[in-house]
Structures are given as structure tokens and as C-alpha cells.
Amino acid sequence: MIKPISESTITCPECGHRKTELMPTNCCQFFYECENCQSVLKPETGDCCVYCSYGTVPCPPIQQGSDCCS
């Protein structure tokens, strides 16, 4: 099995601020607070986490072919 990429750069849809974060490998991250504008990001409809919605790389479970985070 291919090792998933563990970092993703989240872009805030409110202010455009970008930050590279280390993604959790054992759970979904449903909320993320932008350090620039303090907006709380939530996954878009159909996505399991904020990395799948706003990141440059989807979360590790999705990278490995899982339907959703566990």
C-alpha cells in the first residue's frame, strides 16, 4: 500500500489565508479555525473533512481509497 501524504495546505475561503498543516491519520477533522480571520471552516457537502474541502491534498483515508474517515 502506498504511504499517504501527511501534509496539506488549507486555504480559507473567507480571506484566502493559506497554511500547511499535518493531517490526522486516525480521524476526520470536521472543524478548522483560520488563524488569520478566525472563520471556522466545516467540510463542504459530500466531503468528510476540512482537508478534503479546502486542502491541497485529501485526508489520508481518502488517499488510501476508503469511502470515509473512520
C-alpha atoms as a PDB file:
ATOM      1  CA  MET A   1       0.000   0.000   0.000  1.00  0.00           C
ATOM      2  CA  ILE A   2       1.239   3.495  -0.825  1.00  0.00           C
ATOM      3  CA  LYS A   3       2.060   5.711   2.150  1.00  0.00           C
ATOM      4  CA  PRO A   4      -0.343   8.682   2.182  1.00  0.00           C
ATOM      5  CA  ILE A   5       0.856  12.274   2.046  1.00  0.00           C
ATOM      6  CA  SER A   6       0.599  13.661   5.578  1.00  0.00           C
ATOM      7  CA  GLU A   7       0.628  17.416   4.920  1.00  0.00           C
ATOM      8  CA  SER A   8      -1.954  19.573   3.198  1.00  0.00           C
ATOM      9  CA  THR A   9      -2.197  23.327   2.689  1.00  0.00           C
ATOM     10  CA  ILE A  10      -5.596  24.662   3.730  1.00  0.00           C
ATOM     11  CA  THR A  11      -6.880  27.805   2.004  1.00  0.00           C
ATOM     12  CA  CYS A  12      -9.523  29.770   3.878  1.00  0.00           C
ATOM     13  CA  PRO A  13     -12.448  30.519   1.544  1.00  0.00           C
ATOM     14  CA  GLU A  14     -13.243  33.684   3.524  1.00  0.00           C
ATOM     15  CA  CYS A  15      -9.898  35.510   3.438  1.00  0.00           C
ATOM     16  CA  GLY A  16      -7.602  33.397   1.231  1.00  0.00           C
ATOM     17  CA  HIS A  17      -5.075  32.727   4.021  1.00  0.00           C
ATOM     18  CA  ARG A  18      -3.043  29.568   3.402  1.00  0.00           C
ATOM     19  CA  LYS A  19      -1.358  27.339   5.965  1.00  0.00           C
ATOM     20  CA  THR A  20       0.278  23.937   5.670  1.00  0.00           C
ATOM     21  CA  GLU A  21      -0.905  21.537   8.365  1.00  0.00           C
ATOM     22  CA  LEU A  22      -0.136  17.971   9.410  1.00  0.00           C
ATOM     23  CA  MET A  23      -3.294  15.909   8.883  1.00  0.00           C
ATOM     24  CA  PRO A  24      -4.547  13.412  11.481  1.00  0.00           C
ATOM     25  CA  THR A  25      -4.267   9.846  10.216  1.00  0.00           C
ATOM     26  CA  ASN A  26      -6.804   8.187  12.506  1.00  0.00           C
ATOM     27  CA  CYS A  27      -9.802  10.540  12.356  1.00  0.00           C
ATOM     28  CA  CYS A  28     -11.534  13.273  10.366  1.00  0.00           C
ATOM     29  CA  GLN A  29     -11.046  16.915  11.197  1.00  0.00           C
ATOM     30  CA  PHE A  30     -14.506  18.440  10.938  1.00  0.00           C
ATOM     31  CA  PHE A  31     -13.610  21.971  12.053  1.00  0.00           C
ATOM     32  CA  TYR A  32     -10.657  24.241  11.372  1.00  0.00           C
ATOM     33  CA  GLU A  33     -10.225  27.807  12.605  1.00  0.00           C
ATOM     34  CA  CYS A  34      -8.399  30.149  10.237  1.00  0.00           C
ATOM     35  CA  GLU A  35      -5.599  31.809  12.180  1.00  0.00           C
ATOM     36  CA  ASN A  36      -5.957  34.962  10.073  1.00  0.00           C
ATOM     37  CA  CYS A  37      -9.702  35.773  10.148  1.00  0.00           C
ATOM     38  CA  GLN A  38     -10.879  33.263  12.815  1.00  0.00           C
ATOM     39  CA  SER A  39     -13.541  31.809  10.499  1.00  0.00           C
ATOM     40  CA  VAL A  40     -14.435  28.266  11.478  1.00  0.00           C
ATOM     41  CA  LEU A  41     -14.337  26.051   8.398  1.00  0.00           C
ATOM     42  CA  LYS A  42     -16.554  22.982   8.072  1.00  0.00           C
ATOM     43  CA  PRO A  43     -16.471  20.330   5.324  1.00  0.00           C
ATOM     44  CA  GLU A  44     -18.481  21.099   2.201  1.00  0.00           C
ATOM     45  CA  THR A  45     -21.432  18.834   1.433  1.00  0.00           C
ATOM     46  CA  GLY A  46     -20.172  15.436   0.312  1.00  0.00           C
ATOM     47  CA  ASP A  47     -16.699  15.809   1.865  1.00  0.00           C
ATOM     48  CA  CYS A  48     -15.670  14.012   5.039  1.00  0.00           C
ATOM     49  CA  CYS A  49     -13.328  16.655   6.445  1.00  0.00           C
ATOM     50  CA  VAL A  50     -11.860  20.144   6.027  1.00  0.00           C
ATOM     51  CA  TYR A  51      -8.788  18.763   4.233  1.00  0.00           C
ATOM     52  CA  CYS A  52     -10.951  17.199   1.536  1.00  0.00           C
ATOM     53  CA  SER A  53     -12.815  20.506   1.101  1.00  0.00           C
ATOM     54  CA  TYR A  54     -10.111  23.162   1.454  1.00  0.00           C
ATOM     55  CA  GLY A  55      -6.753  21.369   1.345  1.00  0.00           C
ATOM     56  CA  THR A  56      -4.293  20.754  -1.441  1.00  0.00           C
ATOM     57  CA  VAL A  57      -4.291  17.046  -0.548  1.00  0.00           C
ATOM     58  CA  PRO A  58      -7.287  14.981   0.636  1.00  0.00           C
ATOM     59  CA  CYS A  59      -7.133  13.261   4.033  1.00  0.00           C
ATOM     60  CA  PRO A  60      -5.080  10.030   4.394  1.00  0.00           C
ATOM     61  CA  PRO A  61      -8.084   7.614   4.469  1.00  0.00           C
ATOM     62  CA  ILE A  62      -9.427   9.076   1.203  1.00  0.00           C
ATOM     63  CA  GLN A  63      -5.925   8.895  -0.333  1.00  0.00           C
ATOM     64  CA  GLN A  64      -5.900   5.171   0.519  1.00  0.00           C
ATOM     65  CA  GLY A  65      -9.252   4.550  -1.126  1.00  0.00           C
ATOM     66  CA  SER A  66     -11.556   4.462   1.901  1.00  0.00           C
ATOM     67  CA  ASP A  67     -15.084   5.789   1.457  1.00  0.00           C
ATOM     68  CA  CYS A  68     -14.798   7.978   4.552  1.00  0.00           C
ATOM     69  CA  CYS A  69     -12.651   8.584   7.580  1.00  0.00           C
ATOM     70  CA  SER A  70     -13.112   6.190  10.477  1.00  0.00           C
END
